[in-house]
Every structure is written in C-alpha cells, then in structure tokens.
Amino acid sequence: RAPGKEREFVAAKSWRSGTTYYADFVKGRFTI
C-alpha cells in the first residue's frame, strides 16, 4: 500500500502445493 492508494496484490504462494500468483506489474522482477 502506497500513500493515498488502495492495498494491492503483489504475489502469493500456497504452502503445500507451491501454486504461485504474481501481479502483472511485478512479474519477471519479483519472486516469492
């Protein structure tokens, strides 16, 4: 969350399966 903005999704991972999601704006730059 940046000042004045809504909280936004960045990345997520399931603990057991490893299923992973990334926001488009971080894909290729961030790794969970």
ModelCIF file with pLDDT and N, C-alpha, C, O atoms, coordinates in Angstrom:
data_MODEL
#
_entry.id   MODEL 
#
_entity.id                         1 
_entity.type                       polymer 
_entity.pdbx_number_of_molecules   1 
#
_entity_poly.entity_id                      1 
_entity_poly.type                           'polypeptide(L)' 
_entity_poly.nstd_linkage                   no 
_entity_poly.nstd_monomer                   no 
_entity_poly.pdbx_seq_one_letter_code       RAPGKEREFVAAKSWRSGTTYYADFVKGRFTI 
_entity_poly.pdbx_seq_one_letter_code_can   RAPGKEREFVAAKSWRSGTTYYADFVKGRFTI 
_entity_poly.pdbx_strand_id                 A 
#
loop_
_entity_poly_seq.entity_id 
_entity_poly_seq.num 
_entity_poly_seq.mon_id 
_entity_poly_seq.hetero 
1 1  ARG n 
1 2  ALA n 
1 3  PRO n 
1 4  GLY n 
1 5  LYS n 
1 6  GLU n 
1 7  ARG n 
1 8  GLU n 
1 9  PHE n 
1 10 VAL n 
1 11 ALA n 
1 12 ALA n 
1 13 LYS n 
1 14 SER n 
1 15 TRP n 
1 16 ARG n 
1 17 SER n 
1 18 GLY n 
1 19 THR n 
1 20 THR n 
1 21 TYR n 
1 22 TYR n 
1 23 ALA n 
1 24 ASP n 
1 25 PHE n 
1 26 VAL n 
1 27 LYS n 
1 28 GLY n 
1 29 ARG n 
1 30 PHE n 
1 31 THR n 
1 32 ILE n 
#
_struct_asym.id          A 
_struct_asym.entity_id   1 
#
loop_
_ma_qa_metric.id 
_ma_qa_metric.mode 
_ma_qa_metric.name 
_ma_qa_metric.software_group_id 
_ma_qa_metric.type 
1 global pLDDT . pLDDT 
2 local  pLDDT . pLDDT 
#
_ma_qa_metric_global.metric_id      1 
_ma_qa_metric_global.metric_value   93.88 
_ma_qa_metric_global.model_id       1 
_ma_qa_metric_global.ordinal_id     1 
#
loop_
_ma_qa_metric_local.label_asym_id 
_ma_qa_metric_local.label_comp_id 
_ma_qa_metric_local.label_seq_id 
_ma_qa_metric_local.metric_id 
_ma_qa_metric_local.metric_value 
_ma_qa_metric_local.model_id 
_ma_qa_metric_local.ordinal_id 
A ARG 1  2 98.00 1 1  
A ALA 2  2 97.00 1 2  
A PRO 3  2 92.00 1 3  
A GLY 4  2 93.00 1 4  
A LYS 5  2 95.00 1 5  
A GLU 6  2 96.00 1 6  
A ARG 7  2 97.00 1 7  
A GLU 8  2 97.00 1 8  
A PHE 9  2 98.00 1 9  
A VAL 10 2 98.00 1 10 
A ALA 11 2 98.00 1 11 
A ALA 12 2 97.00 1 12 
A LYS 13 2 94.00 1 13 
A SER 14 2 91.00 1 14 
A TRP 15 2 82.00 1 15 
A ARG 16 2 82.00 1 16 
A SER 17 2 83.00 1 17 
A GLY 18 2 82.00 1 18 
A THR 19 2 92.00 1 19 
A THR 20 2 96.00 1 20 
A TYR 21 2 97.00 1 21 
A TYR 22 2 98.00 1 22 
A ALA 23 2 97.00 1 23 
A ASP 24 2 97.00 1 24 
A PHE 25 2 94.00 1 25 
A VAL 26 2 93.00 1 26 
A LYS 27 2 87.00 1 27 
A GLY 28 2 94.00 1 28 
A ARG 29 2 98.00 1 29 
A PHE 30 2 98.00 1 30 
A THR 31 2 97.00 1 31 
A ILE 32 2 96.00 1 32 
#
loop_
_atom_site.group_PDB 
_atom_site.id 
_atom_site.type_symbol 
_atom_site.label_atom_id 
_atom_site.label_alt_id 
_atom_site.label_comp_id 
_atom_site.label_asym_id 
_atom_site.label_entity_id 
_atom_site.label_seq_id 
_atom_site.pdbx_PDB_ins_code 
_atom_site.Cartn_x 
_atom_site.Cartn_y 
_atom_site.Cartn_z 
_atom_site.occupancy 
_atom_site.B_iso_or_equiv 
_atom_site.pdbx_formal_charge 
_atom_site.auth_seq_id 
_atom_site.auth_comp_id 
_atom_site.auth_asym_id 
_atom_site.auth_atom_id 
_atom_site.pdbx_PDB_model_num 
ATOM 1   N N  . ARG A 1 1  ? 0.840  -1.184  0.000   1.00 98.00 ? 1  ARG A N  1 
ATOM 2   C CA . ARG A 1 1  ? 0.000  0.000   0.000   1.00 98.00 ? 1  ARG A CA 1 
ATOM 3   C C  . ARG A 1 1  ? 0.877  1.237   0.000   1.00 98.00 ? 1  ARG A C  1 
ATOM 4   O O  . ARG A 1 1  ? 1.702  1.434   0.893   1.00 98.00 ? 1  ARG A O  1 
ATOM 5   N N  . ALA A 1 2  ? 0.689  2.060   -1.005  1.00 97.00 ? 2  ALA A N  1 
ATOM 6   C CA . ALA A 1 2  ? 1.333  3.359   -1.081  1.00 97.00 ? 2  ALA A CA 1 
ATOM 7   C C  . ALA A 1 2  ? 0.386  4.413   -0.532  1.00 97.00 ? 2  ALA A C  1 
ATOM 8   O O  . ALA A 1 2  ? -0.828 4.209   -0.540  1.00 97.00 ? 2  ALA A O  1 
ATOM 9   N N  . PRO A 1 3  ? 0.914  5.538   -0.055  1.00 92.00 ? 3  PRO A N  1 
ATOM 10  C CA . PRO A 1 3  ? 0.042  6.593   0.478   1.00 92.00 ? 3  PRO A CA 1 
ATOM 11  C C  . PRO A 1 3  ? -1.015 7.027   -0.522  1.00 92.00 ? 3  PRO A C  1 
ATOM 12  O O  . PRO A 1 3  ? -0.712 7.291   -1.686  1.00 92.00 ? 3  PRO A O  1 
ATOM 13  N N  . GLY A 1 4  ? -2.254 7.100   -0.061  1.00 93.00 ? 4  GLY A N  1 
ATOM 14  C CA . GLY A 1 4  ? -3.347 7.530   -0.908  1.00 93.00 ? 4  GLY A CA 1 
ATOM 15  C C  . GLY A 1 4  ? -3.870 6.486   -1.864  1.00 93.00 ? 4  GLY A C  1 
ATOM 16  O O  . GLY A 1 4  ? -4.746 6.781   -2.677  1.00 93.00 ? 4  GLY A O  1 
ATOM 17  N N  . LYS A 1 5  ? -3.360 5.277   -1.788  1.00 95.00 ? 5  LYS A N  1 
ATOM 18  C CA . LYS A 1 5  ? -3.786 4.219   -2.689  1.00 95.00 ? 5  LYS A CA 1 
ATOM 19  C C  . LYS A 1 5  ? -4.350 3.037   -1.909  1.00 95.00 ? 5  LYS A C  1 
ATOM 20  O O  . LYS A 1 5  ? -4.085 2.868   -0.719  1.00 95.00 ? 5  LYS A O  1 
ATOM 21  N N  . GLU A 1 6  ? -5.123 2.236   -2.603  1.00 96.00 ? 6  GLU A N  1 
ATOM 22  C CA . GLU A 1 6  ? -5.639 1.015   -2.014  1.00 96.00 ? 6  GLU A CA 1 
ATOM 23  C C  . GLU A 1 6  ? -4.540 -0.031  -1.916  1.00 96.00 ? 6  GLU A C  1 
ATOM 24  O O  . GLU A 1 6  ? -3.575 -0.014  -2.680  1.00 96.00 ? 6  GLU A O  1 
ATOM 25  N N  . ARG A 1 7  ? -4.700 -0.926  -0.979  1.00 97.00 ? 7  ARG A N  1 
ATOM 26  C CA . ARG A 1 7  ? -3.779 -2.041  -0.880  1.00 97.00 ? 7  ARG A CA 1 
ATOM 27  C C  . ARG A 1 7  ? -3.921 -2.923  -2.119  1.00 97.00 ? 7  ARG A C  1 
ATOM 28  O O  . ARG A 1 7  ? -5.036 -3.231  -2.541  1.00 97.00 ? 7  ARG A O  1 
ATOM 29  N N  . GLU A 1 8  ? -2.806 -3.324  -2.695  1.00 97.00 ? 8  GLU A N  1 
ATOM 30  C CA . GLU A 1 8  ? -2.840 -4.093  -3.917  1.00 97.00 ? 8  GLU A CA 1 
ATOM 31  C C  . GLU A 1 8  ? -2.038 -5.382  -3.784  1.00 97.00 ? 8  GLU A C  1 
ATOM 32  O O  . GLU A 1 8  ? -1.079 -5.475  -3.019  1.00 97.00 ? 8  GLU A O  1 
ATOM 33  N N  . PHE A 1 9  ? -2.457 -6.340  -4.538  1.00 98.00 ? 9  PHE A N  1 
ATOM 34  C CA . PHE A 1 9  ? -1.827 -7.650  -4.536  1.00 98.00 ? 9  PHE A CA 1 
ATOM 35  C C  . PHE A 1 9  ? -0.472 -7.602  -5.219  1.00 98.00 ? 9  PHE A C  1 
ATOM 36  O O  . PHE A 1 9  ? -0.293 -6.907  -6.219  1.00 98.00 ? 9  PHE A O  1 
ATOM 37  N N  . VAL A 1 10 ? 0.481  -8.346  -4.673  1.00 98.00 ? 10 VAL A N  1 
ATOM 38  C CA . VAL A 1 10 ? 1.815  -8.443  -5.252  1.00 98.00 ? 10 VAL A CA 1 
ATOM 39  C C  . VAL A 1 10 ? 2.124  -9.873  -5.682  1.00 98.00 ? 10 VAL A C  1 
ATOM 40  O O  . VAL A 1 10 ? 2.424  -10.120 -6.850  1.00 98.00 ? 10 VAL A O  1 
ATOM 41  N N  . ALA A 1 11 ? 2.053  -10.809 -4.751  1.00 98.00 ? 11 ALA A N  1 
ATOM 42  C CA . ALA A 1 11 ? 2.396  -12.199 -5.036  1.00 98.00 ? 11 ALA A CA 1 
ATOM 43  C C  . ALA A 1 11 ? 1.799  -13.088 -3.967  1.00 98.00 ? 11 ALA A C  1 
ATOM 44  O O  . ALA A 1 11 ? 1.524  -12.633 -2.857  1.00 98.00 ? 11 ALA A O  1 
ATOM 45  N N  . ALA A 1 12 ? 1.598  -14.355 -4.294  1.00 97.00 ? 12 ALA A N  1 
ATOM 46  C CA . ALA A 1 12 ? 1.073  -15.312 -3.329  1.00 97.00 ? 12 ALA A CA 1 
ATOM 47  C C  . ALA A 1 12 ? 1.558  -16.705 -3.675  1.00 97.00 ? 12 ALA A C  1 
ATOM 48  O O  . ALA A 1 12 ? 1.835  -17.006 -4.836  1.00 97.00 ? 12 ALA A O  1 
ATOM 49  N N  . LYS A 1 13 ? 1.661  -17.551 -2.664  1.00 94.00 ? 13 LYS A N  1 
ATOM 50  C CA . LYS A 1 13 ? 2.104  -18.927 -2.849  1.00 94.00 ? 13 LYS A CA 1 
ATOM 51  C C  . LYS A 1 13 ? 1.428  -19.823 -1.837  1.00 94.00 ? 13 LYS A C  1 
ATOM 52  O O  . LYS A 1 13 ? 1.358  -19.498 -0.652  1.00 94.00 ? 13 LYS A O  1 
ATOM 53  N N  . SER A 1 14 ? 0.926  -20.964 -2.311  1.00 91.00 ? 14 SER A N  1 
ATOM 54  C CA . SER A 1 14 ? 0.380  -21.977 -1.421  1.00 91.00 ? 14 SER A CA 1 
ATOM 55  C C  . SER A 1 14 ? 1.513  -22.707 -0.730  1.00 91.00 ? 14 SER A C  1 
ATOM 56  O O  . SER A 1 14 ? 2.509  -23.063 -1.360  1.00 91.00 ? 14 SER A O  1 
ATOM 57  N N  . TRP A 1 15 ? 1.361  -22.927 0.553   1.00 82.00 ? 15 TRP A N  1 
ATOM 58  C CA . TRP A 1 15 ? 2.442  -23.516 1.337   1.00 82.00 ? 15 TRP A CA 1 
ATOM 59  C C  . TRP A 1 15 ? 2.761  -24.932 0.908   1.00 82.00 ? 15 TRP A C  1 
ATOM 60  O O  . TRP A 1 15 ? 3.929  -25.301 0.787   1.00 82.00 ? 15 TRP A O  1 
ATOM 61  N N  . ARG A 1 16 ? 1.726  -25.730 0.677   1.00 82.00 ? 16 ARG A N  1 
ATOM 62  C CA . ARG A 1 16 ? 1.933  -27.131 0.363   1.00 82.00 ? 16 ARG A CA 1 
ATOM 63  C C  . ARG A 1 16 ? 2.224  -27.372 -1.117  1.00 82.00 ? 16 ARG A C  1 
ATOM 64  O O  . ARG A 1 16 ? 3.205  -28.033 -1.456  1.00 82.00 ? 16 ARG A O  1 
ATOM 65  N N  . SER A 1 17 ? 1.393  -26.850 -1.984  1.00 83.00 ? 17 SER A N  1 
ATOM 66  C CA . SER A 1 17 ? 1.496  -27.157 -3.405  1.00 83.00 ? 17 SER A CA 1 
ATOM 67  C C  . SER A 1 17 ? 2.508  -26.299 -4.141  1.00 83.00 ? 17 SER A C  1 
ATOM 68  O O  . SER A 1 17 ? 3.034  -26.715 -5.174  1.00 83.00 ? 17 SER A O  1 
ATOM 69  N N  . GLY A 1 18 ? 2.787  -25.120 -3.632  1.00 82.00 ? 18 GLY A N  1 
ATOM 70  C CA . GLY A 1 18 ? 3.664  -24.202 -4.331  1.00 82.00 ? 18 GLY A CA 1 
ATOM 71  C C  . GLY A 1 18 ? 2.999  -23.403 -5.427  1.00 82.00 ? 18 GLY A C  1 
ATOM 72  O O  . GLY A 1 18 ? 3.671  -22.654 -6.136  1.00 82.00 ? 18 GLY A O  1 
ATOM 73  N N  . THR A 1 19 ? 1.696  -23.543 -5.584  1.00 92.00 ? 19 THR A N  1 
ATOM 74  C CA . THR A 1 19 ? 0.966  -22.737 -6.562  1.00 92.00 ? 19 THR A CA 1 
ATOM 75  C C  . THR A 1 19 ? 1.245  -21.263 -6.322  1.00 92.00 ? 19 THR A C  1 
ATOM 76  O O  . THR A 1 19 ? 1.156  -20.783 -5.192  1.00 92.00 ? 19 THR A O  1 
ATOM 77  N N  . THR A 1 20 ? 1.580  -20.550 -7.380  1.00 96.00 ? 20 THR A N  1 
ATOM 78  C CA . THR A 1 20 ? 2.084  -19.188 -7.267  1.00 96.00 ? 20 THR A CA 1 
ATOM 79  C C  . THR A 1 20 ? 1.332  -18.250 -8.193  1.00 96.00 ? 20 THR A C  1 
ATOM 80  O O  . THR A 1 20 ? 0.993  -18.611 -9.320  1.00 96.00 ? 20 THR A O  1 
ATOM 81  N N  . TYR A 1 21 ? 1.074  -17.043 -7.708  1.00 97.00 ? 21 TYR A N  1 
ATOM 82  C CA . TYR A 1 21 ? 0.472  -15.978 -8.499  1.00 97.00 ? 21 TYR A CA 1 
ATOM 83  C C  . TYR A 1 21 ? 1.305  -14.716 -8.341  1.00 97.00 ? 21 TYR A C  1 
ATOM 84  O O  . TYR A 1 21 ? 1.860  -14.452 -7.275  1.00 97.00 ? 21 TYR A O  1 
ATOM 85  N N  . TYR A 1 22 ? 1.385  -13.942 -9.416  1.00 98.00 ? 22 TYR A N  1 
ATOM 86  C CA . TYR A 1 22 ? 2.065  -12.656 -9.401  1.00 98.00 ? 22 TYR A CA 1 
ATOM 87  C C  . TYR A 1 22 ? 1.184  -11.599 -10.035 1.00 98.00 ? 22 TYR A C  1 
ATOM 88  O O  . TYR A 1 22 ? 0.469  -11.864 -11.001 1.00 98.00 ? 22 TYR A O  1 
ATOM 89  N N  . ALA A 1 23 ? 1.242  -10.401 -9.482  1.00 97.00 ? 23 ALA A N  1 
ATOM 90  C CA . ALA A 1 23 ? 0.648  -9.263  -10.158 1.00 97.00 ? 23 ALA A CA 1 
ATOM 91  C C  . ALA A 1 23 ? 1.416  -8.983  -11.440 1.00 97.00 ? 23 ALA A C  1 
ATOM 92  O O  . ALA A 1 23 ? 2.626  -9.196  -11.507 1.00 97.00 ? 23 ALA A O  1 
ATOM 93  N N  . ASP A 1 24 ? 0.703  -8.500  -12.461 1.00 97.00 ? 24 ASP A N  1 
ATOM 94  C CA . ASP A 1 24 ? 1.343  -8.261  -13.747 1.00 97.00 ? 24 ASP A CA 1 
ATOM 95  C C  . ASP A 1 24 ? 2.505  -7.280  -13.643 1.00 97.00 ? 24 ASP A C  1 
ATOM 96  O O  . ASP A 1 24 ? 3.502  -7.422  -14.350 1.00 97.00 ? 24 ASP A O  1 
ATOM 97  N N  . PHE A 1 25 ? 2.386  -6.301  -12.780 1.00 94.00 ? 25 PHE A N  1 
ATOM 98  C CA . PHE A 1 25 ? 3.399  -5.252  -12.732 1.00 94.00 ? 25 PHE A CA 1 
ATOM 99  C C  . PHE A 1 25 ? 4.682  -5.680  -12.047 1.00 94.00 ? 25 PHE A C  1 
ATOM 100 O O  . PHE A 1 25 ? 5.660  -4.933  -12.069 1.00 94.00 ? 25 PHE A O  1 
ATOM 101 N N  . VAL A 1 26 ? 4.714  -6.865  -11.436 1.00 93.00 ? 26 VAL A N  1 
ATOM 102 C CA . VAL A 1 26 ? 5.945  -7.362  -10.824 1.00 93.00 ? 26 VAL A CA 1 
ATOM 103 C C  . VAL A 1 26 ? 6.451  -8.639  -11.473 1.00 93.00 ? 26 VAL A C  1 
ATOM 104 O O  . VAL A 1 26 ? 7.547  -9.101  -11.155 1.00 93.00 ? 26 VAL A O  1 
ATOM 105 N N  . LYS A 1 27 ? 5.684  -9.207  -12.363 1.00 87.00 ? 27 LYS A N  1 
ATOM 106 C CA . LYS A 1 27 ? 6.061  -10.473 -12.983 1.00 87.00 ? 27 LYS A CA 1 
ATOM 107 C C  . LYS A 1 27 ? 7.380  -10.313 -13.737 1.00 87.00 ? 27 LYS A C  1 
ATOM 108 O O  . LYS A 1 27 ? 7.554  -9.387  -14.529 1.00 87.00 ? 27 LYS A O  1 
ATOM 109 N N  . GLY A 1 28 ? 8.298  -11.232 -13.473 1.00 94.00 ? 28 GLY A N  1 
ATOM 110 C CA . GLY A 1 28 ? 9.613  -11.167 -14.080 1.00 94.00 ? 28 GLY A CA 1 
ATOM 111 C C  . GLY A 1 28 ? 10.628 -10.409 -13.266 1.00 94.00 ? 28 GLY A C  1 
ATOM 112 O O  . GLY A 1 28 ? 11.824 -10.490 -13.544 1.00 94.00 ? 28 GLY A O  1 
ATOM 113 N N  . ARG A 1 29 ? 10.181 -9.665  -12.256 1.00 98.00 ? 29 ARG A N  1 
ATOM 114 C CA . ARG A 1 29 ? 11.082 -8.907  -11.395 1.00 98.00 ? 29 ARG A CA 1 
ATOM 115 C C  . ARG A 1 29 ? 11.092 -9.438  -9.960  1.00 98.00 ? 29 ARG A C  1 
ATOM 116 O O  . ARG A 1 29 ? 12.135 -9.454  -9.307  1.00 98.00 ? 29 ARG A O  1 
ATOM 117 N N  . PHE A 1 30 ? 9.934  -9.871  -9.475  1.00 98.00 ? 30 PHE A N  1 
ATOM 118 C CA . PHE A 1 30 ? 9.811  -10.338 -8.100  1.00 98.00 ? 30 PHE A CA 1 
ATOM 119 C C  . PHE A 1 30 ? 9.641  -11.850 -8.091  1.00 98.00 ? 30 PHE A C  1 
ATOM 120 O O  . PHE A 1 30 ? 9.068  -12.426 -9.015  1.00 98.00 ? 30 PHE A O  1 
ATOM 121 N N  . THR A 1 31 ? 10.144 -12.485 -7.042  1.00 97.00 ? 31 THR A N  1 
ATOM 122 C CA . THR A 1 31 ? 9.992  -13.915 -6.865  1.00 97.00 ? 31 THR A CA 1 
ATOM 123 C C  . THR A 1 31 ? 9.568  -14.207 -5.437  1.00 97.00 ? 31 THR A C  1 
ATOM 124 O O  . THR A 1 31 ? 10.218 -13.770 -4.487  1.00 97.00 ? 31 THR A O  1 
ATOM 125 N N  . ILE A 1 32 ? 8.482  -14.943 -5.287  1.00 96.00 ? 32 ILE A N  1 
ATOM 126 C CA . ILE A 1 32 ? 8.049  -15.381 -3.970  1.00 96.00 ? 32 ILE A CA 1 
ATOM 127 C C  . ILE A 1 32 ? 8.537  -16.807 -3.761  1.00 96.00 ? 32 ILE A C  1 
ATOM 128 O O  . ILE A 1 32 ? 8.289  -17.397 -2.709  1.00 96.00 ? 32 ILE A O  1 
#
